[in-house]
Amino acid sequence: MTWNLRLVLLLDEASRALGELAGLLRRLPNPYLFIRPFIRKEAGLSSWIEGTQADLLDV
């Protein structure tokens, strides 16, 4: 893998955005309420990729 300037800048931007998100989540009384929909979506996409069936109740 070649590390060029574009890749380094994109990684830096992603790292900054994750830090900003982490800071915002610390202010929420229950950050899990914000994260839960993303966990469900990821679980559904994973089952779709694997070719299995899972509805939201299974997740």
Protein backbone atom coordinates (compact mmCIF):
# COMPACT_ATOMS: atom_id res chain seq x y z
CA MET A 1 0.00 0.00 0.00
CA THR A 2 1.33 3.37 -0.98
CA TRP A 3 0.74 6.29 1.38
CA ASN A 4 0.22 9.36 -0.75
CA LEU A 5 -0.86 12.85 0.28
CA ARG A 6 -4.51 12.28 -0.68
CA LEU A 7 -4.75 9.15 1.46
CA VAL A 8 -3.11 10.86 4.44
CA LEU A 9 -5.47 13.84 4.15
CA LEU A 10 -8.53 11.58 3.94
CA LEU A 11 -7.40 9.58 6.98
CA ASP A 12 -6.79 12.80 8.89
CA GLU A 13 -10.25 14.09 8.01
CA ALA A 14 -11.87 10.80 9.06
CA SER A 15 -9.97 10.80 12.34
CA ARG A 16 -11.04 14.37 13.06
CA ALA A 17 -14.69 13.55 12.29
CA LEU A 18 -14.62 10.52 14.60
CA GLY A 19 -13.14 12.65 17.37
CA GLU A 20 -15.86 15.25 16.90
CA LEU A 21 -18.56 12.54 16.98
CA ALA A 22 -17.08 11.04 20.14
CA GLY A 23 -17.16 14.47 21.78
CA LEU A 24 -20.79 15.00 20.82
CA LEU A 25 -21.79 11.54 22.08
CA ARG A 26 -20.27 12.31 25.48
CA ARG A 27 -22.79 15.12 25.88
CA LEU A 28 -25.82 12.88 25.34
CA PRO A 29 -27.52 11.41 28.42
CA ASN A 30 -27.79 8.02 26.67
CA PRO A 31 -25.55 7.76 23.57
CA TYR A 32 -26.72 4.19 22.96
CA LEU A 33 -30.04 5.59 21.71
CA PHE A 34 -28.09 7.32 18.94
CA ILE A 35 -25.92 4.30 18.11
CA ARG A 36 -28.60 1.57 18.21
CA PRO A 37 -30.09 2.25 14.71
CA PHE A 38 -26.63 1.96 13.15
CA ILE A 39 -25.99 -1.34 14.93
CA ARG A 40 -29.30 -2.71 13.62
CA LYS A 41 -28.57 -1.54 10.09
CA GLU A 42 -25.10 -3.10 10.15
CA ALA A 43 -26.53 -6.39 11.42
CA GLY A 44 -29.13 -6.43 8.65
CA LEU A 45 -26.54 -5.66 5.97
CA SER A 46 -24.23 -8.36 7.33
CA SER A 47 -26.96 -10.99 7.16
CA TRP A 48 -27.83 -9.86 3.63
CA ILE A 49 -24.18 -10.17 2.55
CA GLU A 50 -23.96 -13.64 4.13
CA GLY A 51 -27.17 -14.68 2.40
CA THR A 52 -29.10 -15.34 5.60
CA GLN A 53 -32.47 -14.00 6.61
CA ALA A 54 -32.87 -11.82 9.69
CA ASP A 55 -35.60 -9.36 10.53
CA LEU A 56 -35.37 -6.58 13.10
CA LEU A 57 -36.73 -8.82 15.86
CA ASP A 58 -33.90 -11.29 15.26
CA VAL A 59 -31.32 -8.53 15.38
